Amino acid sequence: MYIVTNKTFIQKGEAHKLIERFNKVGKIEQMEGFLGLEVLETQKVKEHDEVCIVTRWTDEAAFKAWMKSDAFKQAHSKDGEGQRPAFIIGNEIIFQEVKVVRHPMTTAAM
């Protein structure tokens, strides 16, 4: 499994503006190899808000296909002036390959 996290730094008090953008079904759900998406709001950050968009893929190739797709380009088009939204200060992209997965044990297995 391949995980991509977009850690986005947002003006203080404005995290909801980015979170709202992900509160609907988009084209990513139709992509081959897409396993899921989570939107996380980091707690206890004083200087700014922080939102992490975590996407899970079967492998790196599936993620790269998403990056090259028209659906990706549409989903990431800038606002009408060609700028990122003013409330976004910046971001960092983190790429990770899952090496170990563990699940809770059922009562019967104990």
N, C-alpha and C. Protein backbone atom coordinates (compact mmCIF):
# COMPACT_ATOMS: atom_id res chain seq x y z
N MET A 1 0.85 -1.18 0.00
CA MET A 1 0.00 0.00 0.00
C MET A 1 0.89 1.24 0.00
N TYR A 2 0.43 2.28 -0.68
CA TYR A 2 1.18 3.52 -0.83
C TYR A 2 0.33 4.65 -0.26
N ILE A 3 0.92 5.44 0.63
CA ILE A 3 0.21 6.53 1.31
C ILE A 3 0.82 7.86 0.88
N VAL A 4 -0.05 8.80 0.53
CA VAL A 4 0.41 10.16 0.21
C VAL A 4 -0.34 11.11 1.13
N THR A 5 0.42 11.93 1.87
CA THR A 5 -0.17 12.90 2.79
C THR A 5 0.19 14.30 2.32
N ASN A 6 -0.83 15.12 2.15
CA ASN A 6 -0.64 16.53 1.83
C ASN A 6 -0.90 17.30 3.12
N LYS A 7 0.19 17.68 3.80
CA LYS A 7 0.09 18.45 5.04
C LYS A 7 -0.01 19.92 4.63
N THR A 8 -1.16 20.53 4.91
CA THR A 8 -1.44 21.88 4.45
C THR A 8 -1.52 22.82 5.64
N PHE A 9 -0.82 23.94 5.53
CA PHE A 9 -0.79 24.95 6.58
C PHE A 9 -1.79 26.05 6.20
N ILE A 10 -2.71 26.33 7.13
CA ILE A 10 -3.85 27.20 6.87
C ILE A 10 -3.83 28.36 7.87
N GLN A 11 -4.32 29.52 7.43
CA GLN A 11 -4.43 30.64 8.35
C GLN A 11 -5.27 30.23 9.55
N LYS A 12 -4.86 30.68 10.72
CA LYS A 12 -5.53 30.32 11.97
C LYS A 12 -7.03 30.57 11.88
N GLY A 13 -7.81 29.57 12.26
CA GLY A 13 -9.26 29.68 12.26
C GLY A 13 -9.93 29.40 10.93
N GLU A 14 -9.16 29.02 9.91
CA GLU A 14 -9.70 28.83 8.56
C GLU A 14 -9.68 27.38 8.08
N ALA A 15 -9.32 26.44 8.92
CA ALA A 15 -9.21 25.03 8.50
C ALA A 15 -10.50 24.52 7.88
N HIS A 16 -11.63 24.96 8.40
CA HIS A 16 -12.92 24.48 7.90
C HIS A 16 -13.10 24.73 6.41
N LYS A 17 -12.48 25.78 5.88
CA LYS A 17 -12.62 26.09 4.45
C LYS A 17 -12.02 24.99 3.57
N LEU A 18 -10.89 24.44 3.98
CA LEU A 18 -10.29 23.35 3.22
C LEU A 18 -11.04 22.04 3.48
N ILE A 19 -11.39 21.80 4.72
CA ILE A 19 -12.09 20.56 5.08
C ILE A 19 -13.39 20.44 4.29
N GLU A 20 -14.13 21.52 4.16
CA GLU A 20 -15.41 21.51 3.43
C GLU A 20 -15.24 21.06 1.98
N ARG A 21 -14.11 21.36 1.38
CA ARG A 21 -13.87 20.98 -0.02
C ARG A 21 -13.83 19.46 -0.22
N PHE A 22 -13.54 18.73 0.85
CA PHE A 22 -13.42 17.27 0.75
C PHE A 22 -14.66 16.55 1.24
N ASN A 23 -15.67 17.28 1.64
CA ASN A 23 -16.87 16.68 2.22
C ASN A 23 -17.91 16.33 1.14
N LYS A 24 -17.42 15.82 0.03
CA LYS A 24 -18.30 15.38 -1.06
C LYS A 24 -17.54 14.36 -1.90
N VAL A 25 -18.28 13.54 -2.62
CA VAL A 25 -17.66 12.56 -3.50
C VAL A 25 -17.04 13.28 -4.69
N GLY A 26 -15.85 12.86 -5.07
CA GLY A 26 -15.17 13.46 -6.21
C GLY A 26 -14.76 12.39 -7.21
N LYS A 27 -13.92 12.77 -8.14
CA LYS A 27 -13.48 11.84 -9.18
C LYS A 27 -12.43 10.85 -8.68
N ILE A 28 -11.76 11.18 -7.59
CA ILE A 28 -10.72 10.29 -7.07
C ILE A 28 -11.30 8.92 -6.72
N GLU A 29 -12.56 8.89 -6.27
CA GLU A 29 -13.18 7.63 -5.89
C GLU A 29 -13.33 6.67 -7.06
N GLN A 30 -13.23 7.18 -8.27
CA GLN A 30 -13.37 6.35 -9.48
C GLN A 30 -12.03 5.86 -10.02
N MET A 31 -10.95 6.30 -9.41
CA MET A 31 -9.62 5.95 -9.91
C MET A 31 -9.24 4.52 -9.54
N GLU A 32 -8.68 3.81 -10.51
CA GLU A 32 -8.19 2.46 -10.26
C GLU A 32 -7.04 2.53 -9.26
N GLY A 33 -7.08 1.67 -8.27
CA GLY A 33 -6.01 1.63 -7.27
C GLY A 33 -6.24 2.53 -6.08
N PHE A 34 -7.30 3.35 -6.10
CA PHE A 34 -7.61 4.22 -4.97
C PHE A 34 -8.25 3.39 -3.86
N LEU A 35 -7.72 3.49 -2.65
CA LEU A 35 -8.24 2.71 -1.52
C LEU A 35 -9.00 3.55 -0.50
N GLY A 36 -8.74 4.84 -0.45
CA GLY A 36 -9.44 5.67 0.52
C GLY A 36 -8.77 7.01 0.74
N LEU A 37 -9.49 7.89 1.42
CA LEU A 37 -9.02 9.24 1.70
C LEU A 37 -9.52 9.64 3.08
N GLU A 38 -8.64 10.23 3.86
CA GLU A 38 -9.01 10.78 5.16
C GLU A 38 -8.56 12.23 5.22
N VAL A 39 -9.35 13.06 5.87
CA VAL A 39 -8.99 14.46 6.11
C VAL A 39 -8.81 14.60 7.62
N LEU A 40 -7.61 14.98 8.03
CA LEU A 40 -7.26 15.07 9.45
C LEU A 40 -6.97 16.52 9.81
N GLU A 41 -7.51 16.97 10.93
CA GLU A 41 -7.19 18.31 11.43
C GLU A 41 -6.26 18.14 12.63
N THR A 42 -5.05 18.65 12.52
CA THR A 42 -4.06 18.54 13.59
C THR A 42 -4.51 19.40 14.77
N GLN A 43 -4.39 18.86 15.95
CA GLN A 43 -4.79 19.55 17.17
C GLN A 43 -3.60 20.27 17.81
N LYS A 44 -3.88 21.31 18.54
CA LYS A 44 -2.92 22.03 19.39
C LYS A 44 -1.77 22.65 18.61
N VAL A 45 -2.05 23.19 17.42
CA VAL A 45 -1.04 23.97 16.69
C VAL A 45 -1.37 25.43 16.95
N LYS A 46 -0.42 26.19 17.47
CA LYS A 46 -0.71 27.57 17.90
C LYS A 46 -0.61 28.59 16.78
N GLU A 47 0.37 28.46 15.90
CA GLU A 47 0.66 29.51 14.92
C GLU A 47 -0.32 29.55 13.76
N HIS A 48 -0.83 28.39 13.37
CA HIS A 48 -1.68 28.27 12.19
C HIS A 48 -2.53 27.01 12.34
N ASP A 49 -3.48 26.81 11.45
CA ASP A 49 -4.21 25.55 11.40
C ASP A 49 -3.45 24.60 10.49
N GLU A 50 -3.65 23.31 10.69
CA GLU A 50 -2.98 22.31 9.86
C GLU A 50 -3.98 21.21 9.52
N VAL A 51 -4.12 20.95 8.23
CA VAL A 51 -5.02 19.91 7.74
C VAL A 51 -4.19 18.95 6.90
N CYS A 52 -4.33 17.65 7.16
CA CYS A 52 -3.63 16.64 6.38
C CYS A 52 -4.65 15.87 5.56
N ILE A 53 -4.44 15.82 4.26
CA ILE A 53 -5.25 15.01 3.36
C ILE A 53 -4.43 13.75 3.09
N VAL A 54 -4.93 12.62 3.55
CA VAL A 54 -4.22 11.35 3.43
C VAL A 54 -4.94 10.49 2.39
N THR A 55 -4.23 10.11 1.34
CA THR A 55 -4.82 9.20 0.35
C THR A 55 -4.07 7.88 0.40
N ARG A 56 -4.82 6.80 0.22
CA ARG A 56 -4.26 5.45 0.24
C ARG A 56 -4.46 4.82 -1.13
N TRP A 57 -3.39 4.20 -1.63
CA TRP A 57 -3.36 3.61 -2.98
C TRP A 57 -2.83 2.19 -2.92
N THR A 58 -3.18 1.40 -3.90
CA THR A 58 -2.66 0.03 -3.96
C THR A 58 -1.14 0.05 -4.11
N ASP A 59 -0.64 1.01 -4.90
CA ASP A 59 0.80 1.11 -5.13
C ASP A 59 1.13 2.50 -5.69
N GLU A 60 2.41 2.77 -5.84
CA GLU A 60 2.86 4.08 -6.33
C GLU A 60 2.36 4.34 -7.75
N ALA A 61 2.30 3.31 -8.57
CA ALA A 61 1.84 3.48 -9.96
C ALA A 61 0.41 3.99 -10.01
N ALA A 62 -0.45 3.51 -9.12
CA ALA A 62 -1.84 3.98 -9.08
C ALA A 62 -1.89 5.46 -8.71
N PHE A 63 -1.07 5.87 -7.74
CA PHE A 63 -1.01 7.28 -7.37
C PHE A 63 -0.51 8.13 -8.53
N LYS A 64 0.54 7.68 -9.22
CA LYS A 64 1.07 8.45 -10.35
C LYS A 64 0.05 8.57 -11.47
N ALA A 65 -0.75 7.53 -11.68
CA ALA A 65 -1.82 7.60 -12.70
C ALA A 65 -2.83 8.68 -12.32
N TRP A 66 -3.16 8.79 -11.03
CA TRP A 66 -4.05 9.85 -10.55
C TRP A 66 -3.44 11.22 -10.82
N MET A 67 -2.16 11.37 -10.53
CA MET A 67 -1.49 12.66 -10.73
C MET A 67 -1.51 13.10 -12.19
N LYS A 68 -1.48 12.15 -13.12
CA LYS A 68 -1.46 12.47 -14.55
C LYS A 68 -2.86 12.60 -15.15
N SER A 69 -3.88 12.27 -14.38
CA SER A 69 -5.25 12.23 -14.92
C SER A 69 -5.87 13.62 -15.06
N ASP A 70 -6.82 13.72 -15.98
CA ASP A 70 -7.60 14.95 -16.12
C ASP A 70 -8.39 15.22 -14.85
N ALA A 71 -8.84 14.16 -14.19
CA ALA A 71 -9.59 14.32 -12.94
C ALA A 71 -8.75 15.03 -11.88
N PHE A 72 -7.46 14.67 -11.80
CA PHE A 72 -6.56 15.34 -10.85
C PHE A 72 -6.43 16.81 -11.20
N LYS A 73 -6.21 17.09 -12.47
CA LYS A 73 -6.05 18.49 -12.90
C LYS A 73 -7.28 19.31 -12.58
N GLN A 74 -8.46 18.75 -12.79
CA GLN A 74 -9.70 19.47 -12.47
C GLN A 74 -9.83 19.68 -10.97
N ALA A 75 -9.52 18.65 -10.19
CA ALA A 75 -9.67 18.74 -8.74
C ALA A 75 -8.69 19.73 -8.12
N HIS A 76 -7.55 19.94 -8.78
CA HIS A 76 -6.52 20.81 -8.22
C HIS A 76 -6.35 22.11 -8.99
N SER A 77 -7.32 22.46 -9.81
CA SER A 77 -7.22 23.73 -10.52
C SER A 77 -7.29 24.87 -9.51
N LYS A 78 -6.55 25.89 -9.78
CA LYS A 78 -6.50 27.05 -8.88
C LYS A 78 -7.81 27.82 -9.00
N ASP A 79 -7.99 28.81 -8.15
CA ASP A 79 -9.20 29.62 -8.24
C ASP A 79 -9.18 30.41 -9.55
N GLY A 80 -10.19 31.19 -9.80
CA GLY A 80 -10.34 31.89 -11.06
C GLY A 80 -9.17 32.77 -11.45
N GLU A 81 -8.35 33.17 -10.50
CA GLU A 81 -7.22 34.05 -10.79
C GLU A 81 -5.91 33.28 -10.92
N GLY A 82 -5.97 31.97 -10.93
CA GLY A 82 -4.75 31.18 -11.06
C GLY A 82 -3.92 31.12 -9.79
N GLN A 83 -4.52 31.44 -8.67
CA GLN A 83 -3.81 31.45 -7.39
C GLN A 83 -4.39 30.38 -6.47
N ARG A 84 -3.58 29.92 -5.53
CA ARG A 84 -4.13 29.03 -4.50
C ARG A 84 -5.01 29.89 -3.60
N PRO A 85 -5.98 29.29 -2.92
CA PRO A 85 -6.84 30.08 -2.03
C PRO A 85 -6.01 30.85 -1.01
N ALA A 86 -6.43 32.06 -0.70
CA ALA A 86 -5.67 32.95 0.18
C ALA A 86 -5.48 32.37 1.58
N PHE A 87 -6.38 31.50 2.02
CA PHE A 87 -6.27 30.96 3.38
C PHE A 87 -5.19 29.89 3.50
N ILE A 88 -4.66 29.39 2.38
CA ILE A 88 -3.59 28.38 2.42
C ILE A 88 -2.23 29.08 2.47
N ILE A 89 -1.48 28.81 3.52
CA ILE A 89 -0.15 29.40 3.70
C ILE A 89 0.89 28.62 2.90
N GLY A 90 0.78 27.31 2.91
CA GLY A 90 1.73 26.45 2.21
C GLY A 90 1.40 24.99 2.47
N ASN A 91 2.23 24.10 1.96
CA ASN A 91 1.99 22.68 2.18
C ASN A 91 3.27 21.87 2.04
N GLU A 92 3.19 20.63 2.49
CA GLU A 92 4.29 19.67 2.38
C GLU A 92 3.68 18.34 1.98
N ILE A 93 4.26 17.67 1.00
CA ILE A 93 3.77 16.37 0.55
C ILE A 93 4.69 15.28 1.11
N ILE A 94 4.08 14.24 1.68
CA ILE A 94 4.83 13.14 2.27
C ILE A 94 4.41 11.85 1.57
N PHE A 95 5.39 11.10 1.06
CA PHE A 95 5.14 9.84 0.36
C PHE A 95 5.64 8.69 1.24
N GLN A 96 4.77 7.69 1.45
CA GLN A 96 5.14 6.58 2.32
C GLN A 96 4.67 5.26 1.73
N GLU A 97 5.49 4.24 1.89
CA GLU A 97 5.09 2.89 1.51
C GLU A 97 4.84 2.10 2.79
N VAL A 98 3.68 1.48 2.88
CA VAL A 98 3.32 0.72 4.08
C VAL A 98 4.14 -0.57 4.12
N LYS A 99 4.77 -0.81 5.23
CA LYS A 99 5.62 -2.00 5.41
C LYS A 99 4.99 -3.03 6.34
N VAL A 100 4.22 -2.58 7.32
CA VAL A 100 3.59 -3.49 8.27
C VAL A 100 2.18 -2.98 8.55
N VAL A 101 1.21 -3.90 8.57
CA VAL A 101 -0.16 -3.57 8.94
C VAL A 101 -0.58 -4.53 10.04
N ARG A 102 -1.16 -4.01 11.09
CA ARG A 102 -1.66 -4.84 12.18
C ARG A 102 -3.11 -4.50 12.42
N HIS A 103 -3.88 -5.49 12.84
CA HIS A 103 -5.31 -5.31 13.09
C HIS A 103 -5.62 -5.78 14.51
N PRO A 104 -6.71 -5.27 15.10
CA PRO A 104 -7.07 -5.72 16.45
C PRO A 104 -7.46 -7.20 16.45
N MET A 105 -7.19 -7.84 17.55
CA MET A 105 -7.58 -9.24 17.69
C MET A 105 -9.04 -9.32 18.12
N THR A 106 -9.74 -10.29 17.62
CA THR A 106 -11.11 -10.51 18.06
C THR A 106 -11.07 -11.23 19.40
N THR A 107 -12.14 -11.13 20.15
CA THR A 107 -12.21 -11.79 21.45
C THR A 107 -12.02 -13.30 21.31
N ALA A 108 -12.55 -13.87 20.24
CA ALA A 108 -12.43 -15.31 20.02
C ALA A 108 -10.99 -15.74 19.80
N ALA A 109 -10.16 -14.85 19.27
CA ALA A 109 -8.77 -15.20 18.96
C ALA A 109 -7.87 -15.10 20.17
N MET A 110 -8.35 -14.50 21.25
CA MET A 110 -7.50 -14.31 22.44
C MET A 110 -7.43 -15.53 23.30
